[in-house]
Amino acid sequence: MSVTTNSGAAAPKVEEKLFYNRYLVDAGRPHIKLKPGAAPSEALRSLVTTCPAGCYSNNDKGQVELVTDGCMECGTCRVVTAKTGEIEWHYPRGGYGVLYKFG
């Protein structure tokens, strides 16, 4: 089933809209950091599937890894791990991070 707009044209998919966004990496200064710990909590592990930008992944040792390139700064990880305190999150410094383009 395809979605159409009022004009009858096919509506663009979310992936197509996200393609217009740009991200300027602040090399060496990530705005999210994982705090070191023995084993990741269930909340932290859930970010592998809940982060809309796919910034979190599992490594072969069962640890959660983070790559902030492409982060949409939505705050999902901040909310999910609020009680566990496993991440340090702040906005990127001015001029860096996501640049939303509504195209």
N, C-alpha and C. Protein backbone atom coordinates (compact mmCIF):
# COMPACT_ATOMS: atom_id res chain seq x y z
N MET A 1 0.84 -1.17 0.00
CA MET A 1 0.00 0.00 0.00
C MET A 1 0.89 1.23 0.00
N SER A 2 0.70 2.11 -0.95
CA SER A 2 1.48 3.33 -0.98
C SER A 2 0.64 4.48 -0.44
N VAL A 3 1.32 5.42 0.16
CA VAL A 3 0.67 6.59 0.73
C VAL A 3 0.71 7.70 -0.30
N THR A 4 -0.42 8.37 -0.47
CA THR A 4 -0.47 9.47 -1.42
C THR A 4 -0.86 10.75 -0.72
N THR A 5 -0.47 11.85 -1.29
CA THR A 5 -0.82 13.16 -0.74
C THR A 5 -2.16 13.61 -1.33
N ASN A 6 -2.67 14.75 -0.89
CA ASN A 6 -3.93 15.28 -1.42
C ASN A 6 -3.85 15.55 -2.91
N SER A 7 -2.67 15.83 -3.41
CA SER A 7 -2.52 16.09 -4.84
C SER A 7 -2.44 14.80 -5.66
N GLY A 8 -2.44 13.66 -5.00
CA GLY A 8 -2.36 12.39 -5.69
C GLY A 8 -0.96 11.86 -5.87
N ALA A 9 0.05 12.67 -5.53
CA ALA A 9 1.45 12.24 -5.66
C ALA A 9 1.82 11.33 -4.49
N ALA A 10 2.73 10.42 -4.72
CA ALA A 10 3.20 9.53 -3.66
C ALA A 10 3.98 10.33 -2.63
N ALA A 11 3.67 10.13 -1.35
CA ALA A 11 4.38 10.81 -0.27
C ALA A 11 5.77 10.21 -0.12
N PRO A 12 6.80 11.03 0.13
CA PRO A 12 8.15 10.49 0.30
C PRO A 12 8.26 9.69 1.59
N LYS A 13 9.11 8.68 1.57
CA LYS A 13 9.34 7.86 2.75
C LYS A 13 10.21 8.63 3.73
N VAL A 14 10.16 8.22 4.99
CA VAL A 14 10.96 8.87 6.04
C VAL A 14 12.44 8.83 5.67
N GLU A 15 12.90 7.69 5.16
CA GLU A 15 14.31 7.55 4.80
C GLU A 15 14.71 8.58 3.75
N GLU A 16 13.81 8.85 2.82
CA GLU A 16 14.10 9.83 1.78
C GLU A 16 14.20 11.23 2.36
N LYS A 17 13.34 11.55 3.31
CA LYS A 17 13.39 12.87 3.95
C LYS A 17 14.66 13.01 4.80
N LEU A 18 15.04 11.95 5.50
CA LEU A 18 16.24 12.00 6.33
C LEU A 18 17.50 12.16 5.50
N PHE A 19 17.46 11.75 4.25
CA PHE A 19 18.61 11.87 3.36
C PHE A 19 19.04 13.33 3.20
N TYR A 20 18.09 14.25 3.30
CA TYR A 20 18.40 15.67 3.13
C TYR A 20 19.17 16.26 4.31
N ASN A 21 19.06 15.65 5.48
CA ASN A 21 19.78 16.14 6.64
C ASN A 21 21.28 16.00 6.44
N ARG A 22 22.03 16.89 7.03
CA ARG A 22 23.48 16.82 6.98
C ARG A 22 24.02 16.82 8.40
N TYR A 23 25.22 16.30 8.54
CA TYR A 23 25.82 16.19 9.87
C TYR A 23 27.27 16.62 9.78
N LEU A 24 27.64 17.57 10.60
CA LEU A 24 29.03 18.03 10.65
C LEU A 24 29.66 17.45 11.91
N VAL A 25 30.60 16.53 11.72
CA VAL A 25 31.26 15.85 12.83
C VAL A 25 32.26 16.78 13.51
N ASP A 26 32.19 16.84 14.83
CA ASP A 26 33.15 17.60 15.64
C ASP A 26 34.21 16.59 16.09
N ALA A 27 35.19 16.35 15.26
CA ALA A 27 36.19 15.31 15.49
C ALA A 27 36.85 15.45 16.85
N GLY A 28 36.85 14.34 17.59
CA GLY A 28 37.49 14.31 18.89
C GLY A 28 36.67 14.90 20.02
N ARG A 29 35.46 15.39 19.73
CA ARG A 29 34.60 15.99 20.76
C ARG A 29 33.17 15.48 20.63
N PRO A 30 32.94 14.18 20.88
CA PRO A 30 31.59 13.65 20.76
C PRO A 30 30.66 14.27 21.81
N HIS A 31 29.41 14.49 21.45
CA HIS A 31 28.46 15.10 22.38
C HIS A 31 27.78 14.07 23.27
N ILE A 32 27.99 12.80 22.98
CA ILE A 32 27.48 11.72 23.83
C ILE A 32 28.65 10.79 24.14
N LYS A 33 28.77 10.42 25.39
CA LYS A 33 29.82 9.49 25.79
C LYS A 33 29.20 8.41 26.68
N LEU A 34 29.66 7.18 26.48
CA LEU A 34 29.26 6.08 27.35
C LEU A 34 30.16 6.09 28.58
N LYS A 35 29.55 6.01 29.75
CA LYS A 35 30.35 5.94 30.97
C LYS A 35 30.83 4.50 31.12
N PRO A 36 32.09 4.33 31.51
CA PRO A 36 32.61 2.97 31.64
C PRO A 36 31.88 2.20 32.74
N GLY A 37 31.65 0.93 32.47
CA GLY A 37 30.98 0.09 33.45
C GLY A 37 31.23 -1.36 33.13
N ALA A 38 30.89 -2.22 34.08
CA ALA A 38 31.15 -3.64 33.93
C ALA A 38 30.24 -4.27 32.86
N ALA A 39 28.94 -4.12 33.01
CA ALA A 39 28.01 -4.71 32.06
C ALA A 39 26.92 -3.69 31.74
N PRO A 40 26.54 -3.59 30.48
CA PRO A 40 25.51 -2.62 30.12
C PRO A 40 24.15 -3.04 30.67
N SER A 41 23.38 -2.06 31.10
CA SER A 41 22.04 -2.33 31.61
C SER A 41 21.11 -2.69 30.45
N GLU A 42 19.94 -3.17 30.79
CA GLU A 42 18.93 -3.47 29.77
C GLU A 42 18.55 -2.20 29.02
N ALA A 43 18.50 -1.08 29.73
CA ALA A 43 18.16 0.20 29.09
C ALA A 43 19.20 0.57 28.04
N LEU A 44 20.48 0.44 28.38
CA LEU A 44 21.54 0.77 27.42
C LEU A 44 21.51 -0.19 26.24
N ARG A 45 21.32 -1.46 26.50
CA ARG A 45 21.25 -2.45 25.41
C ARG A 45 20.07 -2.18 24.47
N SER A 46 18.99 -1.64 25.02
CA SER A 46 17.80 -1.38 24.19
C SER A 46 18.06 -0.29 23.14
N LEU A 47 19.07 0.55 23.36
CA LEU A 47 19.37 1.62 22.41
C LEU A 47 19.85 1.08 21.07
N VAL A 48 20.32 -0.15 21.04
CA VAL A 48 20.75 -0.76 19.78
C VAL A 48 19.57 -0.80 18.80
N THR A 49 18.37 -0.98 19.32
CA THR A 49 17.19 -1.03 18.45
C THR A 49 16.32 0.22 18.52
N THR A 50 16.45 1.04 19.55
CA THR A 50 15.57 2.20 19.68
C THR A 50 16.16 3.51 19.16
N CYS A 51 17.46 3.60 19.03
CA CYS A 51 18.07 4.83 18.51
C CYS A 51 17.67 4.99 17.04
N PRO A 52 16.94 6.06 16.70
CA PRO A 52 16.49 6.20 15.32
C PRO A 52 17.62 6.40 14.30
N ALA A 53 18.77 6.86 14.76
CA ALA A 53 19.90 7.08 13.86
C ALA A 53 20.83 5.87 13.78
N GLY A 54 20.60 4.86 14.61
CA GLY A 54 21.43 3.66 14.59
C GLY A 54 22.84 3.89 15.11
N CYS A 55 22.98 4.76 16.09
CA CYS A 55 24.31 5.11 16.62
C CYS A 55 24.87 4.06 17.57
N TYR A 56 24.02 3.18 18.09
CA TYR A 56 24.44 2.19 19.08
C TYR A 56 24.49 0.81 18.44
N SER A 57 25.49 0.02 18.84
CA SER A 57 25.62 -1.35 18.34
C SER A 57 26.25 -2.21 19.43
N ASN A 58 26.12 -3.52 19.27
CA ASN A 58 26.76 -4.48 20.18
C ASN A 58 28.06 -4.94 19.56
N ASN A 59 29.09 -5.07 20.38
CA ASN A 59 30.34 -5.63 19.87
C ASN A 59 30.40 -7.11 20.22
N ASP A 60 31.45 -7.79 19.81
CA ASP A 60 31.56 -9.24 20.03
C ASP A 60 31.79 -9.62 21.49
N LYS A 61 32.05 -8.63 22.36
CA LYS A 61 32.25 -8.90 23.79
C LYS A 61 31.00 -8.63 24.60
N GLY A 62 29.89 -8.32 23.91
CA GLY A 62 28.63 -8.07 24.61
C GLY A 62 28.50 -6.66 25.15
N GLN A 63 29.42 -5.79 24.77
CA GLN A 63 29.36 -4.40 25.21
C GLN A 63 28.64 -3.56 24.15
N VAL A 64 28.07 -2.45 24.60
CA VAL A 64 27.41 -1.53 23.68
C VAL A 64 28.44 -0.50 23.23
N GLU A 65 28.49 -0.26 21.93
CA GLU A 65 29.39 0.74 21.37
C GLU A 65 28.57 1.88 20.79
N LEU A 66 29.18 3.06 20.74
CA LEU A 66 28.51 4.26 20.28
C LEU A 66 29.35 4.98 19.24
N VAL A 67 28.72 5.34 18.13
CA VAL A 67 29.33 6.19 17.12
C VAL A 67 28.35 7.34 16.92
N THR A 68 28.74 8.55 17.30
CA THR A 68 27.80 9.67 17.28
C THR A 68 27.65 10.32 15.91
N ASP A 69 28.44 9.92 14.93
CA ASP A 69 28.29 10.46 13.57
C ASP A 69 26.89 10.14 13.07
N GLY A 70 26.15 11.13 12.68
CA GLY A 70 24.79 10.94 12.18
C GLY A 70 23.71 11.02 13.24
N CYS A 71 24.09 11.30 14.48
CA CYS A 71 23.11 11.43 15.56
C CYS A 71 22.14 12.56 15.23
N MET A 72 20.85 12.31 15.44
CA MET A 72 19.83 13.32 15.15
C MET A 72 19.51 14.20 16.36
N GLU A 73 20.23 13.98 17.47
CA GLU A 73 20.06 14.79 18.68
C GLU A 73 18.62 14.78 19.19
N CYS A 74 17.95 13.64 19.04
CA CYS A 74 16.56 13.54 19.45
C CYS A 74 16.40 13.36 20.96
N GLY A 75 17.43 12.85 21.62
CA GLY A 75 17.38 12.67 23.06
C GLY A 75 16.84 11.32 23.51
N THR A 76 16.57 10.41 22.59
CA THR A 76 16.06 9.09 22.96
C THR A 76 16.98 8.41 23.95
N CYS A 77 18.28 8.41 23.67
CA CYS A 77 19.23 7.74 24.56
C CYS A 77 19.27 8.42 25.93
N ARG A 78 19.11 9.70 25.94
CA ARG A 78 19.11 10.47 27.19
C ARG A 78 17.92 10.07 28.07
N VAL A 79 16.76 9.91 27.45
CA VAL A 79 15.56 9.54 28.19
C VAL A 79 15.62 8.09 28.64
N VAL A 80 16.02 7.19 27.74
CA VAL A 80 16.04 5.76 28.04
C VAL A 80 17.01 5.44 29.18
N THR A 81 18.15 6.12 29.24
CA THR A 81 19.15 5.82 30.27
C THR A 81 19.15 6.85 31.42
N ALA A 82 18.09 7.62 31.54
CA ALA A 82 18.04 8.65 32.59
C ALA A 82 18.23 8.06 33.99
N LYS A 83 17.64 6.91 34.25
CA LYS A 83 17.74 6.30 35.59
C LYS A 83 19.06 5.57 35.81
N THR A 84 19.68 5.10 34.74
CA THR A 84 20.92 4.33 34.90
C THR A 84 22.16 5.21 34.89
N GLY A 85 22.07 6.38 34.27
CA GLY A 85 23.21 7.29 34.22
C GLY A 85 24.39 6.77 33.42
N GLU A 86 24.14 5.92 32.44
CA GLU A 86 25.23 5.29 31.69
C GLU A 86 25.77 6.14 30.55
N ILE A 87 25.11 7.23 30.25
CA ILE A 87 25.64 8.10 29.20
C ILE A 87 25.76 9.53 29.72
N GLU A 88 26.68 10.23 29.11
CA GLU A 88 26.85 11.66 29.34
C GLU A 88 26.44 12.32 28.03
N TRP A 89 25.42 13.18 28.09
CA TRP A 89 24.83 13.74 26.88
C TRP A 89 24.76 15.25 26.98
N HIS A 90 25.18 15.93 25.94
CA HIS A 90 25.01 17.38 25.86
C HIS A 90 24.92 17.72 24.38
N TYR A 91 24.39 18.90 24.07
CA TYR A 91 24.30 19.30 22.67
C TYR A 91 25.70 19.54 22.11
N PRO A 92 25.88 19.29 20.82
CA PRO A 92 27.17 19.60 20.19
C PRO A 92 27.43 21.10 20.26
N ARG A 93 28.68 21.49 20.19
CA ARG A 93 28.97 22.91 20.20
C ARG A 93 28.48 23.54 18.90
N GLY A 94 28.31 24.83 18.93
CA GLY A 94 27.73 25.56 17.81
C GLY A 94 28.38 25.26 16.48
N GLY A 95 27.55 25.06 15.46
CA GLY A 95 28.04 24.80 14.12
C GLY A 95 28.28 23.33 13.82
N TYR A 96 28.18 22.46 14.82
CA TYR A 96 28.41 21.03 14.63
C TYR A 96 27.14 20.26 14.92
N GLY A 97 27.13 19.02 14.49
CA GLY A 97 25.97 18.17 14.73
C GLY A 97 25.06 18.12 13.51
N VAL A 98 23.80 17.85 13.77
CA VAL A 98 22.83 17.67 12.69
C VAL A 98 22.35 19.02 12.16
N LEU A 99 22.15 19.06 10.86
CA LEU A 99 21.58 20.23 10.19
C LEU A 99 20.38 19.72 9.44
N TYR A 100 19.18 20.04 9.95
CA TYR A 100 17.96 19.57 9.35
C TYR A 100 17.62 20.36 8.10
N LYS A 101 17.32 19.65 7.05
CA LYS A 101 16.89 20.25 5.78
C LYS A 101 15.53 19.67 5.48
N PHE A 102 14.55 20.51 5.35
CA PHE A 102 13.20 20.05 5.07
C PHE A 102 12.96 20.17 3.57
N GLY A 103 13.20 19.06 2.85
CA GLY A 103 13.13 19.12 1.40
C GLY A 103 12.07 18.29 0.80
